[in-house]
Amino acid sequence: MMKTVLASLTGYNSDRTVLDAAVAVARIDGAHIQCLHTRIGVTQATALTACAAPAHHFDLHKLSQQFAEEQAERLGHAKAAFEDACERHSLAAKNAPSDAALSATWRQVETLSNETLHEARYHDVVVMARDEELSRERIESVLMQSGRPLLLAPPKPVAVIGRKVAIAWKAGVESARAITAASAILSRAEQVFILAVSEDKAGDDTDKLSAEYLAKQLTWHGVTAQVRMDYSPSTSTCTALKEMAYDSDADLLIMGAYGHSRVRELVFGGVTRDILSDCAIPVFLLG
C-alpha cells in the first residue's frame, strides 16, 4: 500500500503538475501528502560564492540581496501552489492519520544538502518534476539512492493516475523491482499493458514469451494484463515504448531505472535517460 507521498516543490511553474500528480496517486490508497520545499540559506550561498572566487569579483552584499529575493519569490510560489492544491482538491491539513479522504502538510527546509533524498526514504513514493531547473542531479540521486520509487510528473497537469497502466518490461532485476513497488497501483488498475520491444531481427520470441509469462504470473495477484510487442522498431527503444504507451491510452508508465555510479556521477542507460528527459505521461520508476 502507498500511504505517504512526498511532493517535491521548487517554486517553479512545475509545482502545479507535481501537486496534481501527487494527489492523483494519493487517491489510489487514500495516502497523506507531505509537501517539501527546500532552499539554500543566504548566508550559506554567500559563503559558497566567496570561496569559489576572489572577493573583488563580486559585490557580496548585492549578491546576497538578489539571492534572498529569488529565494523568497520561489518560497512564495511554492506555498501558493500548495495552498491552491489544498483548496482545489479539498485536502485536509493533518499531521496524523485521520478519517479525511486525503490530507496534506507543508514543510520548508533551509539546507545545502539534498533534503528531498533524505526525506524520500521515509515515504512510499516521491513525486518530482522532470523540468525543474535544479532537479536533474536531485532526480538522479533520489532515483538511485533513496530506495523508494519515483513518480515523474508529466509536463501538463493530470487528474487521474493508475486506471490504465503500462509496464515497460525487460526481463531483469530493475523491471522486477519496479513491478513489485507498483503492486498497489497494478492491483487497482482497470487495464494493464505489458510493453516489450524486441530488437532481434531474426524473429526470436524470447521477449514475447517473457512478457507473456509475466502476464500469467500477474493473474495470481488479480491483475489481467495484455501484452503488446514491437519487433525491430525503426525508432529507438524509448520512442517505441512511449508510442505503445500513448497508443494504449495509458495514464502511467512503470519501468525500472537502469544505471550505475561512476565516481560521483550517475550514468544511466539510454532508455532511462530518454524517459527522464521526455515523456508526456507520468512515469513510475525504481532504481
Protein backbone atom coordinates (compact mmCIF):
# COMPACT_ATOMS: atom_id res chain seq x y z
CA MET A 1 0.00 0.00 0.00
CA MET A 2 1.01 3.59 -0.56
CA LYS A 3 0.02 5.67 2.45
CA THR A 4 2.53 8.53 2.33
CA VAL A 5 3.50 10.57 -0.73
CA LEU A 6 6.33 13.11 -0.81
CA ALA A 7 5.83 16.03 -3.23
CA SER A 8 8.99 17.98 -4.01
CA LEU A 9 8.15 21.65 -4.65
CA THR A 10 10.68 24.05 -6.12
CA GLY A 11 8.81 27.32 -6.55
CA TYR A 12 8.71 26.97 -10.34
CA ASN A 13 5.73 26.51 -12.67
CA SER A 14 6.10 22.72 -12.47
CA ASP A 15 4.82 22.70 -8.87
CA ARG A 16 1.20 22.52 -10.03
CA THR A 17 1.86 19.40 -12.10
CA VAL A 18 3.75 17.82 -9.19
CA LEU A 19 0.90 18.53 -6.78
CA ASP A 20 -1.79 17.25 -9.16
CA ALA A 21 0.22 14.07 -9.79
CA ALA A 22 0.74 13.63 -6.04
CA VAL A 23 -3.00 13.97 -5.41
CA ALA A 24 -3.82 11.56 -8.24
CA VAL A 25 -1.52 8.85 -6.90
CA ALA A 26 -2.59 9.54 -3.30
CA ARG A 27 -6.21 8.80 -4.23
CA ILE A 28 -5.29 5.18 -5.02
CA ASP A 29 -4.81 4.26 -1.35
CA GLY A 30 -6.02 7.39 0.43
CA ALA A 31 -2.45 8.50 1.15
CA HIS A 32 -1.16 11.52 3.04
CA ILE A 33 0.86 14.05 1.02
CA GLN A 34 3.94 15.68 2.55
CA CYS A 35 4.88 18.76 0.52
CA LEU A 36 8.53 19.74 0.83
CA HIS A 37 10.23 22.93 -0.31
CA THR A 38 13.98 23.26 0.17
CA ARG A 39 16.14 26.30 -0.32
CA ILE A 40 19.72 27.36 0.26
CA GLY A 41 20.21 29.88 3.05
CA VAL A 42 21.52 33.31 2.07
CA THR A 43 24.47 33.05 4.43
CA GLN A 44 25.35 29.61 3.07
CA ALA A 45 25.08 30.74 -0.55
CA THR A 46 27.21 33.83 0.05
CA ALA A 47 29.88 31.78 1.78
CA LEU A 48 29.99 29.33 -1.13
CA THR A 49 30.30 32.13 -3.65
CA ALA A 50 33.06 33.83 -1.66
CA CYS A 51 35.01 30.58 -1.56
CA ALA A 52 34.56 29.95 -5.27
CA ALA A 53 36.31 33.11 -6.49
CA PRO A 54 38.24 36.16 -5.22
CA ALA A 55 36.09 38.61 -3.31
CA HIS A 56 36.85 41.52 -5.70
CA HIS A 57 34.96 39.68 -8.44
CA PHE A 58 31.67 40.04 -6.57
CA ASP A 59 29.64 42.57 -4.64
CA LEU A 60 28.73 40.06 -1.95
CA HIS A 61 26.18 42.35 -0.31
CA LYS A 62 24.36 42.88 -3.60
CA LEU A 63 24.61 39.19 -4.42
CA SER A 64 23.10 38.30 -1.04
CA GLN A 65 20.20 40.66 -1.58
CA GLN A 66 19.46 39.27 -5.04
CA PHE A 67 19.69 35.72 -3.81
CA ALA A 68 17.41 36.44 -0.85
CA GLU A 69 14.81 37.96 -3.18
CA GLU A 70 14.95 34.98 -5.53
CA GLN A 71 14.62 32.51 -2.67
CA ALA A 72 11.70 34.43 -1.16
CA GLU A 73 9.97 34.52 -4.54
CA ARG A 74 10.39 30.77 -5.01
CA LEU A 75 9.11 30.10 -1.49
CA GLY A 76 6.07 32.29 -2.16
CA HIS A 77 5.30 30.49 -5.41
CA ALA A 78 5.67 27.05 -3.82
CA LYS A 79 3.48 27.95 -0.84
CA ALA A 80 0.84 29.46 -3.12
CA ALA A 81 0.80 26.32 -5.28
CA PHE A 82 0.40 24.19 -2.14
CA GLU A 83 -2.49 26.29 -0.81
CA ASP A 84 -4.15 26.27 -4.24
CA ALA A 85 -3.91 22.46 -4.43
CA CYS A 86 -5.38 22.10 -0.94
CA GLU A 87 -8.35 24.21 -1.99
CA ARG A 88 -8.86 22.61 -5.40
CA HIS A 89 -8.62 19.04 -4.10
CA SER A 90 -10.15 19.58 -0.63
CA LEU A 91 -7.01 18.36 1.15
CA ALA A 92 -7.29 18.30 4.92
CA ALA A 93 -4.41 19.81 6.92
CA LYS A 94 -3.47 16.88 9.14
CA ASN A 95 -0.23 15.84 10.84
CA ALA A 96 -1.50 12.42 11.90
CA PRO A 97 -3.76 9.72 10.41
CA SER A 98 -7.42 10.74 10.36
CA ASP A 99 -10.73 9.97 8.71
CA ALA A 100 -10.08 12.56 6.00
CA ALA A 101 -10.14 11.16 2.47
CA LEU A 102 -6.93 12.97 1.60
CA SER A 103 -4.63 15.12 3.69
CA ALA A 104 -1.51 17.21 3.17
CA THR A 105 1.10 19.07 5.18
CA TRP A 106 3.66 21.75 4.30
CA ARG A 107 7.34 21.69 5.24
CA GLN A 108 10.12 24.06 4.25
CA VAL A 109 13.79 23.45 4.93
CA GLU A 110 16.84 25.68 4.56
CA THR A 111 19.81 23.50 3.75
CA LEU A 112 22.69 22.88 1.36
CA SER A 113 22.12 19.13 1.37
CA ASN A 114 19.63 17.20 -0.75
CA GLU A 115 16.81 17.12 1.76
CA THR A 116 14.50 15.57 -0.82
CA LEU A 117 16.72 12.49 -0.94
CA HIS A 118 16.80 12.23 2.84
CA GLU A 119 13.04 12.74 3.21
CA ALA A 120 12.22 10.33 0.36
CA ARG A 121 13.44 7.38 2.42
CA TYR A 122 10.57 7.90 4.88
CA HIS A 123 7.80 7.86 2.26
CA ASP A 124 6.23 5.28 -0.03
CA VAL A 125 6.73 7.29 -3.21
CA VAL A 126 8.24 10.67 -4.10
CA VAL A 127 6.84 12.94 -6.82
CA MET A 128 9.12 15.30 -8.73
CA ALA A 129 9.04 17.26 -11.99
CA ARG A 130 11.47 16.45 -14.78
CA ASP A 131 11.73 20.06 -15.88
CA GLU A 132 12.87 21.62 -12.63
CA GLU A 133 15.78 23.99 -13.21
CA LEU A 134 17.66 22.49 -10.30
CA SER A 135 16.34 18.96 -10.41
CA ARG A 136 18.42 16.78 -12.73
CA GLU A 137 21.00 15.88 -10.12
CA ARG A 138 18.34 15.62 -7.43
CA ILE A 139 16.14 13.39 -9.56
CA GLU A 140 19.06 11.07 -10.26
CA SER A 141 20.09 10.86 -6.61
CA VAL A 142 16.53 10.21 -5.42
CA LEU A 143 16.05 7.60 -8.11
CA MET A 144 19.25 5.66 -7.44
CA GLN A 145 19.95 6.31 -3.75
CA SER A 146 16.65 6.63 -1.88
CA GLY A 147 15.45 3.05 -2.18
CA ARG A 148 11.99 4.43 -2.95
CA PRO A 149 10.03 4.67 -6.20
CA LEU A 150 9.99 7.98 -8.02
CA LEU A 151 6.94 9.32 -9.84
CA LEU A 152 7.95 11.80 -12.53
CA ALA A 153 5.16 14.29 -13.13
CA PRO A 154 4.36 15.00 -16.79
CA PRO A 155 4.65 18.45 -18.40
CA LYS A 156 0.90 19.06 -18.09
CA PRO A 157 -1.32 18.50 -15.00
CA VAL A 158 -3.20 15.21 -14.76
CA ALA A 159 -6.41 14.32 -12.95
CA VAL A 160 -6.08 10.53 -12.86
CA ILE A 161 -3.18 8.12 -12.44
CA GLY A 162 -3.43 4.35 -12.35
CA ARG A 163 -6.56 3.45 -14.31
CA LYS A 164 -4.73 2.39 -17.46
CA VAL A 165 -1.20 1.31 -16.63
CA ALA A 166 1.62 0.37 -18.99
CA ILE A 167 4.63 -1.67 -17.87
CA ALA A 168 7.88 -1.25 -19.80
CA TRP A 169 9.11 -4.83 -19.50
CA LYS A 170 12.59 -6.19 -19.85
CA ALA A 171 13.41 -9.39 -18.00
CA GLY A 172 15.80 -8.04 -15.39
CA VAL A 173 16.16 -7.02 -11.75
CA GLU A 174 15.21 -3.38 -12.37
CA SER A 175 11.87 -4.16 -14.04
CA ALA A 176 11.02 -6.80 -11.44
CA ARG A 177 11.64 -4.38 -8.57
CA ALA A 178 9.55 -1.66 -10.20
CA ILE A 179 6.59 -4.00 -10.66
CA THR A 180 6.74 -5.09 -7.03
CA ALA A 181 6.91 -1.47 -5.86
CA ALA A 182 3.89 -0.64 -8.02
CA SER A 183 1.79 -3.60 -6.87
CA ALA A 184 -0.78 -1.38 -5.15
CA ILE A 185 -1.28 0.55 -8.38
CA LEU A 186 -1.46 -2.54 -10.58
CA SER A 187 -3.98 -4.30 -8.34
CA ARG A 188 -6.42 -1.38 -8.67
CA ALA A 189 -5.90 -0.60 -12.35
CA GLU A 190 -8.77 -1.09 -14.78
CA GLN A 191 -6.39 -2.04 -17.59
CA VAL A 192 -2.75 -3.13 -17.61
CA PHE A 193 -0.49 -3.40 -20.64
CA ILE A 194 2.90 -5.09 -20.76
CA LEU A 195 5.06 -3.37 -23.35
CA ALA A 196 8.11 -5.13 -24.74
CA VAL A 197 10.50 -4.23 -27.52
CA SER A 198 12.45 -6.89 -29.37
CA GLU A 199 15.49 -5.78 -31.33
CA ASP A 200 16.14 -9.30 -32.62
CA LYS A 201 15.60 -9.10 -36.36
CA ALA A 202 15.74 -12.89 -36.62
CA GLY A 203 12.32 -13.04 -35.01
CA ASP A 204 13.37 -14.58 -31.69
CA ASP A 205 10.28 -14.89 -29.47
CA THR A 206 12.22 -14.74 -26.19
CA ASP A 207 11.00 -11.22 -25.32
CA LYS A 208 7.40 -12.08 -26.18
CA LEU A 209 7.48 -15.29 -24.17
CA SER A 210 8.94 -13.41 -21.21
CA ALA A 211 6.20 -10.77 -21.39
CA GLU A 212 3.50 -13.44 -21.68
CA TYR A 213 4.91 -15.28 -18.68
CA LEU A 214 4.82 -12.05 -16.65
CA ALA A 215 1.17 -11.60 -17.64
CA LYS A 216 0.43 -15.12 -16.44
CA GLN A 217 2.17 -14.52 -13.11
CA LEU A 218 0.28 -11.25 -12.56
CA THR A 219 -3.03 -13.14 -12.67
CA TRP A 220 -2.10 -14.60 -9.27
CA HIS A 221 -2.31 -11.03 -7.98
CA GLY A 222 -5.69 -10.45 -9.58
CA VAL A 223 -4.16 -8.43 -12.41
CA THR A 224 -5.18 -9.10 -16.02
CA ALA A 225 -2.62 -7.73 -18.46
CA GLN A 226 -2.39 -7.51 -22.24
CA VAL A 227 0.97 -7.97 -23.97
CA ARG A 228 1.98 -5.55 -26.68
CA MET A 229 5.14 -6.09 -28.71
CA ASP A 230 7.23 -4.01 -31.07
CA TYR A 231 9.66 -6.04 -33.16
CA SER A 232 12.81 -4.40 -34.50
CA PRO A 233 11.49 -0.85 -34.18
CA SER A 234 12.70 1.71 -36.70
CA THR A 235 12.96 4.23 -33.88
CA SER A 236 14.73 3.98 -30.53
CA THR A 237 13.54 1.59 -27.82
CA CYS A 238 12.46 4.55 -25.72
CA THR A 239 10.39 6.03 -28.54
CA ALA A 240 8.82 2.64 -29.27
CA LEU A 241 7.83 2.21 -25.61
CA LYS A 242 6.36 5.70 -25.39
CA GLU A 243 4.39 5.28 -28.61
CA MET A 244 2.94 1.97 -27.40
CA ALA A 245 2.02 3.59 -24.08
CA TYR A 246 0.34 6.51 -25.84
CA ASP A 247 -1.49 4.18 -28.25
CA SER A 248 -2.77 2.24 -25.24
CA ASP A 249 -4.10 5.50 -23.74
CA ALA A 250 -2.09 4.70 -20.60
CA ASP A 251 -2.09 7.26 -17.81
CA LEU A 252 1.03 5.80 -16.18
CA LEU A 253 4.22 4.08 -17.36
CA ILE A 254 6.01 1.76 -14.92
CA MET A 255 9.64 0.89 -15.55
CA GLY A 256 12.90 0.03 -13.87
CA ALA A 257 15.73 2.57 -13.92
CA TYR A 258 18.96 1.29 -15.41
CA GLY A 259 22.17 2.94 -14.33
CA HIS A 260 25.29 2.79 -12.22
CA SER A 261 27.60 5.14 -10.37
CA ARG A 262 30.98 6.32 -11.60
CA VAL A 263 32.93 8.44 -9.12
CA ARG A 264 30.16 10.83 -8.06
CA GLU A 265 28.44 10.67 -11.45
CA LEU A 266 25.34 8.67 -12.22
CA VAL A 267 25.37 7.12 -15.65
CA PHE A 268 22.00 5.93 -16.96
CA GLY A 269 21.16 3.59 -19.78
CA GLY A 270 19.74 5.12 -22.93
CA VAL A 271 16.08 4.30 -22.28
CA THR A 272 16.13 5.60 -18.69
CA ARG A 273 17.96 8.76 -19.72
CA ASP A 274 15.49 9.47 -22.53
CA ILE A 275 12.46 8.84 -20.32
CA LEU A 276 13.88 11.19 -17.69
CA SER A 277 14.15 13.85 -20.38
CA ASP A 278 10.83 13.46 -22.15
CA CYS A 279 7.55 11.63 -21.61
CA ALA A 280 4.03 13.03 -21.91
CA ILE A 281 2.54 10.81 -19.17
CA PRO A 282 3.57 10.18 -15.55
CA VAL A 283 6.39 7.67 -15.13
CA PHE A 284 6.83 5.43 -12.08
CA LEU A 285 10.49 4.40 -11.73
CA LEU A 286 12.58 2.45 -9.27
CA GLY A 287 16.36 2.25 -9.38
